[in-house]
Protein backbone atom coordinates (compact mmCIF):
# COMPACT_ATOMS: atom_id res chain seq x y z
CA MET A 1 6.53 21.63 -3.85
CA GLU A 2 4.37 24.66 -2.19
CA LYS A 3 4.84 28.23 -2.07
CA PHE A 4 5.23 29.69 0.91
CA VAL A 5 5.83 33.06 1.65
CA ALA A 6 8.02 34.40 3.94
CA VAL A 7 7.68 36.41 6.52
CA VAL A 8 8.47 37.68 9.69
CA ILE A 9 6.45 36.74 12.87
CA CYS A 10 4.29 40.12 13.35
CA GLY A 11 1.57 41.10 15.20
CA LEU A 12 1.57 37.82 17.83
CA VAL A 13 1.82 40.40 20.74
CA ALA A 14 1.44 44.36 20.66
CA LEU A 15 4.82 45.97 19.31
CA PRO A 16 5.48 48.95 21.10
CA THR A 17 6.05 52.67 19.64
CA GLY A 18 9.46 52.45 17.30
CA ALA A 19 9.96 48.89 17.50
CA SER A 20 9.92 46.47 14.26
CA ALA A 21 8.20 43.15 13.27
CA SER A 22 11.87 41.70 13.05
CA SER A 23 12.63 42.79 16.32
CA ASP A 24 9.67 41.38 18.14
CA GLY A 25 10.53 38.10 16.27
CA ALA A 26 13.81 38.22 17.56
CA ALA A 27 12.39 38.98 21.18
CA LEU A 28 9.85 36.10 20.97
CA LEU A 29 12.83 33.40 20.35
CA ARG A 30 14.86 35.26 23.17
CA LYS A 31 11.72 34.43 25.09
CA ALA A 32 11.64 30.98 23.72
CA SER A 33 15.48 29.86 24.56
CA ARG A 34 14.99 31.93 28.04
CA LEU A 35 12.13 29.63 29.29
CA SER A 36 13.23 26.32 28.07
CA GLY A 37 16.64 27.07 28.52
CA LEU A 38 17.89 25.73 24.96
CA HIS A 39 20.20 27.75 23.03
CA ALA A 40 19.20 29.54 19.92
CA ARG A 41 21.80 28.72 17.31
CA GLN A 42 20.23 31.19 14.40
CA ALA A 43 17.23 32.67 13.39
CA VAL A 44 13.72 30.49 12.68
CA PRO A 45 12.93 30.92 9.16
CA THR A 46 8.83 31.62 9.20
CA ALA A 47 6.40 31.61 6.46
CA THR A 48 2.43 32.42 6.46
CA LEU A 49 0.38 30.04 4.70
CA ALA A 50 -3.75 30.29 3.68
CA ALA A 51 -5.45 28.01 5.89
CA THR A 52 -5.98 24.99 3.06
CA ARG A 53 -2.71 24.99 2.47
CA TYR A 54 -1.71 25.18 6.41
CA ASP A 55 -3.49 22.51 6.91
CA ALA A 56 -2.58 20.42 3.79
CA ALA A 57 1.03 20.29 4.95
CA VAL A 58 0.31 19.27 8.44
CA ARG A 59 -1.59 16.28 7.29
CA ARG A 60 0.95 15.39 4.53
CA ALA A 61 3.78 15.64 7.63
CA ALA A 62 1.66 12.91 9.82
CA SER A 63 1.05 11.06 6.80
CA ARG A 64 4.67 10.43 6.10
CA ASP A 65 5.25 9.64 9.75
CA TYR A 66 2.18 7.31 10.17
CA PRO A 67 1.60 5.52 7.19
CA ARG A 68 -1.37 4.28 5.74
CA ARG A 69 -0.53 0.70 6.48
CA LEU A 70 -0.07 1.25 10.12
CA ARG A 71 -3.13 3.52 10.16
CA ASP A 72 -5.18 0.26 8.59
CA LEU A 73 -3.45 -1.77 11.52
CA ASP A 74 -4.77 0.67 14.30
CA ALA A 75 -7.78 1.06 12.85
CA ARG A 76 -8.64 -2.73 12.42
CA PHE A 77 -6.76 -3.22 16.39
CA TYR A 78 -9.16 -0.13 17.63
CA ALA A 79 -12.14 -1.40 16.19
CA LEU A 80 -12.22 -5.00 17.26
CA LEU A 81 -11.54 -3.35 20.38
CA GLY A 82 -15.00 -1.86 20.33
CA LEU A 83 -13.53 1.54 20.34
CA ALA A 84 -15.37 1.96 16.78
CA PRO A 85 -17.61 0.21 15.01
CA VAL A 86 -16.13 -2.76 12.92
CA GLY A 87 -15.85 -1.33 8.80
CA ALA A 88 -16.91 2.47 10.40
CA PRO A 89 -14.57 4.99 8.74
CA VAL A 90 -11.71 6.18 11.25
CA ARG A 91 -10.16 9.74 11.34
CA LEU A 92 -6.66 8.76 12.70
CA LEU A 93 -4.36 11.38 11.06
CA PRO A 94 -4.68 14.51 13.68
CA ARG A 95 -6.15 17.59 13.20
CA GLY A 96 -3.32 20.46 12.29
CA PRO A 97 -2.35 22.51 15.44
CA SER A 98 -4.02 25.50 15.72
CA GLY A 99 -2.42 28.72 14.44
CA ALA A 100 1.47 27.44 14.58
CA TRP A 101 3.60 24.62 13.81
CA TYR A 102 7.39 24.32 13.33
CA ASP A 103 7.89 21.75 10.41
CA PRO A 104 11.53 19.55 11.51
CA ALA A 105 11.55 18.62 7.31
CA LEU A 106 11.50 22.27 6.35
CA ARG A 107 13.20 23.75 9.61
CA LYS A 108 10.27 26.33 9.11
CA LEU A 109 8.02 28.32 11.61
CA LEU A 110 4.49 28.20 9.96
CA LEU A 111 1.51 30.44 11.00
CA ARG A 112 -1.73 29.61 9.48
CA GLY A 113 -3.88 32.28 7.75
CA ALA A 114 -3.56 36.21 8.44
CA ARG A 115 -4.94 35.98 11.81
CA PRO A 116 -1.79 35.84 14.30
CA PRO A 117 -1.66 32.92 16.53
CA ALA A 118 -1.85 32.45 20.22
CA PRO A 119 2.16 34.10 21.39
CA ASN A 120 2.19 30.87 23.89
CA ARG A 121 1.53 28.81 20.88
CA VAL A 122 4.29 30.00 18.92
CA ILE A 123 6.77 30.15 22.24
CA ASN A 124 6.02 26.30 22.04
CA GLU A 125 7.00 26.27 18.37
CA LEU A 126 9.71 28.15 18.84
CA VAL A 127 10.66 25.57 21.55
CA ARG A 128 10.42 22.57 19.55
CA ALA A 129 12.57 25.07 16.63
CA LEU A 130 15.08 25.11 19.37
CA VAL A 131 15.11 21.36 20.23
CA ASP A 132 15.74 21.04 16.54
CA GLN A 133 18.59 23.15 16.59
CA ASP A 134 20.31 21.91 19.68
CA PHE A 135 19.52 18.43 19.21
CA GLY A 136 18.04 17.48 15.96
CA LEU A 137 14.41 16.64 15.22
CA ARG A 138 14.58 14.31 11.93
CA ARG A 139 15.58 11.22 13.36
CA ILE A 140 12.11 11.17 14.97
CA ALA A 141 11.03 10.73 11.26
CA GLY A 142 9.73 7.50 10.46
CA LEU A 143 10.66 6.06 14.19
CA ARG A 144 6.61 5.51 14.51
CA SER A 145 7.15 2.27 11.67
CA ARG A 146 10.03 1.12 13.68
CA ASP A 147 8.52 1.48 17.25
CA ARG A 148 5.24 2.89 18.12
CA ASP A 149 6.14 2.99 21.63
CA ALA A 150 9.33 4.53 21.52
CA ALA A 151 8.04 6.78 19.10
CA LEU A 152 5.68 8.11 21.19
CA ALA A 153 7.95 8.48 23.89
CA ALA A 154 10.07 10.70 21.82
CA GLN A 155 7.38 13.24 20.57
CA GLY A 156 6.14 13.23 24.41
CA ILE A 157 9.51 14.48 25.67
CA VAL A 158 10.08 17.19 22.61
CA GLU A 159 6.78 18.30 22.83
CA GLY A 160 6.93 18.17 26.83
CA THR A 161 9.46 20.47 27.05
CA ALA A 162 7.82 22.93 24.72
CA ALA A 163 4.94 22.68 26.72
CA LEU A 164 6.87 23.57 29.96
CA ALA A 165 7.83 26.42 28.52
CA SER A 166 5.12 27.55 26.66
CA GLY A 167 2.68 26.86 29.99
CA MET A 168 0.22 24.96 27.04
CA ARG A 169 -1.41 21.80 29.02
CA ALA A 170 -3.29 18.69 27.92
CA PRO A 171 -7.33 19.74 27.10
CA ALA A 172 -10.06 18.40 28.57
CA LEU A 173 -11.35 14.80 27.10
CA HIS A 174 -14.65 14.68 24.84
CA GLY A 175 -16.00 12.62 22.77
CA GLY A 176 -16.84 8.48 22.68
CA PRO A 177 -13.76 6.13 23.38
CA LEU A 178 -11.73 6.39 20.33
CA ASP A 179 -11.92 9.95 20.33
CA ARG A 180 -10.99 9.65 23.60
CA PHE A 181 -8.30 7.50 22.90
CA LEU A 182 -6.75 9.42 20.61
CA GLU A 183 -6.58 12.67 22.32
CA LEU A 184 -4.89 10.91 24.98
CA GLU A 185 -2.55 9.52 22.99
CA ALA A 186 -1.89 13.23 21.09
CA ALA A 187 -1.54 14.94 24.45
CA ALA A 188 1.60 12.37 25.42
CA GLY A 189 3.81 15.70 25.27
CA LEU A 190 1.40 18.32 27.15
CA GLY A 191 0.77 15.27 29.91
CA PRO A 192 3.21 12.75 30.69
CA GLY A 193 6.16 14.77 28.49
CA ARG A 194 5.54 18.06 30.51
CA ALA A 195 5.79 16.14 34.05
CA LEU A 196 9.10 14.53 33.10
CA ALA A 197 10.74 17.47 31.28
CA ALA A 198 9.65 19.75 34.83
CA GLU A 199 11.16 16.81 37.22
CA LEU A 200 14.30 16.36 35.12
CA ARG A 201 14.67 20.24 35.12
CA TYR A 202 13.38 19.90 38.79
CA LEU A 203 16.44 17.37 39.97
CA GLY A 204 19.66 18.93 37.73
CA GLY A 205 18.06 22.32 35.86
CA SER A 206 18.89 22.67 32.13
CA ARG A 207 21.40 20.09 31.97
CA ALA A 208 19.37 17.35 33.26
CA LEU A 209 16.72 17.89 30.53
CA ALA A 210 19.24 17.92 27.86
CA THR A 211 19.92 14.38 28.41
CA ALA A 212 16.15 13.74 27.81
CA LEU A 213 16.53 15.47 24.51
CA ARG A 214 19.80 14.28 23.58
CA THR A 215 18.93 10.29 24.15
CA PHE A 216 15.21 10.65 24.10
CA PRO A 217 13.19 8.24 26.70
CA GLN A 218 13.08 4.48 25.38
CA THR A 219 9.53 3.69 26.11
CA THR A 220 6.65 5.37 27.64
CA GLU A 221 7.42 3.95 30.78
CA GLN A 222 10.61 5.67 31.11
CA LEU A 223 8.42 8.80 29.68
CA LEU A 224 5.79 7.97 32.52
CA HIS A 225 8.54 7.68 35.42
CA VAL A 226 11.48 9.28 35.86
CA ASP A 227 13.31 7.02 37.93
CA LYS A 228 12.64 4.25 34.87
CA PHE A 229 14.25 7.23 32.70
CA LEU A 230 17.65 7.83 35.06
CA GLU A 231 17.97 3.75 35.08
CA ARG A 232 17.63 3.52 31.32
CA GLU A 233 15.32 0.72 31.87
CA ARG A 234 14.35 -1.42 28.89
CA ALA A 235 11.26 -2.95 27.53
CA LEU A 236 11.11 -6.84 27.94
CA PRO A 237 11.29 -8.82 24.94
CA VAL A 238 7.29 -9.60 23.52
CA ARG A 239 7.60 -11.85 20.02
CA LEU A 240 4.36 -12.73 18.71
CA PRO A 241 4.44 -16.21 16.75
CA SER A 242 4.44 -15.99 13.11
CA SER A 243 1.47 -18.29 13.23
CA VAL A 244 -1.06 -19.53 15.61
CA GLY A 245 -2.80 -22.52 13.95
CA VAL A 246 -3.72 -21.80 10.35
CA ALA A 247 -4.12 -17.79 11.25
CA LYS A 248 -0.72 -15.61 10.32
CA LEU A 249 0.46 -13.11 11.77
CA THR A 250 -0.17 -10.02 8.92
CA THR A 251 1.76 -7.25 11.12
CA SER A 252 2.59 -6.22 14.61
CA GLU A 253 4.04 -3.06 16.50
CA THR A 254 4.91 -1.94 19.66
CA PHE A 255 2.24 -0.99 22.40
CA GLY A 256 3.57 0.97 25.99
CA GLU A 257 2.74 1.75 28.98
CA LEU A 258 0.99 4.64 27.53
CA ASP A 259 -0.97 2.83 25.43
CA VAL A 260 -2.26 0.50 27.97
CA ARG A 261 -2.88 3.76 30.67
CA ASN A 262 -4.78 5.33 27.43
CA LEU A 263 -6.94 2.26 26.73
CA LEU A 264 -8.21 1.93 30.11
CA ARG A 265 -8.54 5.71 30.68
CA ALA A 266 -10.63 5.61 27.25
CA TYR A 267 -13.16 3.52 28.77
CA ARG A 268 -13.36 5.53 32.49
CA ILE A 269 -11.76 2.25 34.13
CA PRO A 270 -10.80 3.15 37.83
CA ASP A 271 -7.09 3.02 38.85
CA ALA A 272 -6.06 2.94 34.86
CA ASP A 273 -2.50 4.17 35.65
CA VAL A 274 -1.95 1.81 38.89
CA VAL A 275 -2.60 -1.39 36.41
CA ALA A 276 -0.44 0.55 33.66
CA ALA A 277 2.15 1.22 36.02
CA GLY A 278 3.10 -2.72 36.30
CA TRP A 279 3.97 -2.60 32.31
CA GLY A 280 7.19 -4.69 31.45
CA GLY A 281 6.60 -4.76 27.52
CA GLY A 282 3.97 -5.16 24.87
CA ARG A 283 3.13 -5.89 21.21
CA ILE A 284 -0.08 -6.10 19.24
CA GLY A 285 -0.61 -7.56 16.13
CA LEU A 286 -3.10 -8.74 13.95
CA TYR A 287 -3.82 -12.29 12.86
CA LEU A 288 -5.46 -13.34 9.01
CA SER A 289 -7.52 -16.63 8.78
CA PRO A 290 -7.86 -18.55 5.42
CA ALA A 291 -11.10 -17.67 4.86
CA GLY A 292 -9.77 -13.44 5.26
CA ARG A 293 -11.01 -12.22 8.60
CA TYR A 294 -8.75 -10.44 10.78
CA THR A 295 -8.24 -11.39 14.93
CA ALA A 296 -6.43 -8.97 16.80
CA ALA A 297 -4.13 -9.66 20.02
CA LEU A 298 -2.55 -8.00 22.49
CA GLU A 299 0.10 -9.78 24.74
CA LEU A 300 1.88 -7.58 27.70
CA ARG A 301 4.67 -9.14 30.10
CA TRP A 302 4.33 -7.10 33.84
CA ASP A 303 7.00 -6.64 36.13
CA THR A 304 6.20 -8.97 38.41
CA VAL A 305 2.97 -11.69 39.20
CA VAL A 306 1.19 -9.41 41.36
CA ASP A 307 0.73 -6.62 38.57
CA ALA A 308 -0.28 -9.32 36.20
CA GLU A 309 -2.74 -10.09 38.53
CA GLU A 310 -3.88 -6.29 38.40
CA TRP A 311 -4.47 -6.44 34.83
CA ARG A 312 -6.16 -9.95 35.03
CA ASN A 313 -8.60 -8.08 37.57
CA ALA A 314 -9.10 -5.12 35.07
CA VAL A 315 -10.08 -6.92 32.33
CA PRO A 316 -13.79 -8.09 32.58
CA ARG A 317 -14.30 -4.33 33.52
CA PHE A 318 -12.63 -3.26 30.05
CA VAL A 319 -14.46 -5.93 28.50
CA ALA A 320 -17.69 -4.83 30.27
CA SER A 321 -17.63 -1.08 29.21
CA ALA A 322 -16.00 -2.15 25.43
CA PHE A 323 -19.01 -4.70 25.12
CA ALA A 324 -22.11 -3.67 26.93
CA ALA A 325 -23.75 -7.19 25.40
CA ALA A 326 -20.53 -9.01 26.16
CA THR A 327 -21.82 -13.03 27.61
CA GLY A 328 -19.14 -14.82 29.93
CA ARG A 329 -18.02 -17.75 29.76
CA ASP A 330 -15.27 -20.25 31.53
CA CYS A 331 -12.67 -21.52 28.20
CA PRO A 332 -9.70 -23.00 30.59
CA PRO A 333 -7.01 -22.68 29.59
CA LEU A 334 -8.07 -18.94 29.65
CA ASP A 335 -9.39 -17.01 32.24
CA ARG A 336 -12.70 -16.00 30.46
CA CYS A 337 -14.19 -15.98 27.15
CA TRP A 338 -16.94 -13.99 25.49
CA SER A 339 -19.58 -13.46 22.95
CA ALA A 340 -19.88 -9.60 22.23
CA GLY A 341 -20.55 -9.52 17.90
CA THR A 342 -16.96 -10.67 18.22
CA ASP A 343 -15.54 -13.06 20.12
CA LEU A 344 -13.07 -12.43 23.15
CA ALA A 345 -10.75 -13.74 25.20
CA ALA A 346 -8.23 -12.87 27.81
CA GLY A 347 -5.43 -15.36 30.15
CA VAL A 348 -2.84 -14.85 32.19
CA LEU A 349 0.11 -17.03 32.56
CA GLY A 350 2.22 -15.76 34.92
CA ASN A 351 3.91 -12.12 34.44
CA ARG A 352 2.20 -13.05 30.50
CA SER A 353 -1.34 -11.99 29.34
CA VAL A 354 -2.93 -12.08 26.10
CA LEU A 355 -5.90 -10.67 25.15
CA VAL A 356 -7.70 -11.83 21.86
CA SER A 357 -11.23 -9.99 19.80
CA GLY A 358 -12.06 -11.42 16.49
CA PRO A 359 -13.06 -15.07 14.64
CA GLY A 360 -11.03 -17.77 17.40
CA ALA A 361 -10.10 -15.62 20.01
CA ASP A 362 -10.15 -18.50 22.35
CA LEU A 363 -7.82 -20.54 19.89
CA VAL A 364 -5.33 -17.42 19.25
CA ALA A 365 -5.19 -16.76 22.90
CA ALA A 366 -4.70 -20.07 24.26
CA GLY A 367 -1.58 -20.80 21.19
CA LEU A 368 -0.03 -17.53 22.38
CA LEU A 369 0.06 -18.47 26.15
CA GLY A 370 0.96 -21.94 25.03
């Protein structure tokens, strides 16, 4: 167990003459409560750590919530979709937040090093602490292992509530497709989550926002669309078969509307938000051949046949962006197949679509749609 040096919040903002550091910490907590509309039931214990210990604590928490088997799945999936070179090391654990971070496991606000973090960063983390006091954040722990999409939605509304109070916003995107995709995923709270929190507060004040914190959005579709949240519209079921021909399913997880949108936006596909908005349900999986080679499959269900058609039209643009040297060919009963260092295949049947990348992609795609 790391030894934490308990300190009060001090030096975060200039103290008036005669004011104490502890009174300033209490003032920041009151401000976080006022801005968020959440009740401060007790003081938030605060600790300061050396930079290396702080970073290690953040990494441990991220690794606990995002276990290695899921990181391995995502790394293979991202590589097969062209987001990263196959076999290249991929950093999937997020970098630590700058300056301050509330740890729900310890129920402490951690500060990084001796330099005081920006006041809005502290307000942001204090609001997360208030969400924990009022509604509990430990129920998010382990959710990533059970439902990727639900975990992203839950984290999004919590961080969105904090961002709305603190004024924090999503940073500009930079780097290659994988960098942009991971940044978009990490900013689920600063973008869509903040927007939903603002809409709910506009519609019904703090009570309406509290409903989203008490019963989290179940999908990122609900996070992105306030009407879907209010209706509690559930995802359409998608079940990948345990085998397709000789290929065996090794692992799979949900893939939500926000994932679809971020994937398209990472490659700067026009109208990514419009295309993704027809999402009804989704799942990704890895199939392993007897030769030990992986093939990635993305199956999506769309709300309507028209929505599926929009996805069908976007796929060739995605392939052209992700695989510049891709050579296409007809491969009935699928819509299109490509060769691009790896095999790719895509098809739509009614309101269902598949996109498969890897050895035997055409056979796997046809088997999934059949």
